[in-house]
Amino acid sequence: GERGLSLASSLKNRSRFEEITEFFKKKSILLELQRKKFHREEKLFSQYFEGKKEDFTSLPLDFISGTPYQRKVWLETRKIPHGKTQTYKFLAGKLNHRGYRSIGQALSRNPLLIVIPCHRVLSSDGSIGGFTGGLKLKKFLLRLEKP
């Protein structure tokens, strides 16, 4: 978006990419990658995947999707530090919401993988839970962030 990062996704979720592309078409906005504009973001992602501890919280965001509740969940999830994990139940408590399953549903719509680190959210029993990018990618990201 014009005010910040709007999408960071594994293209495994093709429908999400198509949904966002359709959004831009409906708004008559030309969707194109402006490499110079996103140089900082590109550098952060490169360093992150080299195993360096990167902080994405300084990146401005421009949500083009999501309900007010989903956005609250995403912003709370964004606070989980690199190398740490939380549970769906913990996040529900932070948001004063009883339904921790709704946390998982909101995270399944997360348009900013890694920037909003939904891979750091686990089930209460410590199991890995779900992940839009696939469990293989979630496990990889958690290993990458291990201190």
Foldseek 3Di string as FASTA:
>chain_A
DVFFDAADDDCVVVVLVVVVVVVCVVVVHDDDDDCVVCVVVVVQVVCLVVLDQGQLVVTDYDYPDDDPVLVLLLVVLLPAGQQAAEELCVSCVVVVHRDSVVSVVSQLSDRYDPNSPPLRYDHPVRHRDAHNNGPVVSVVSNVSRHD
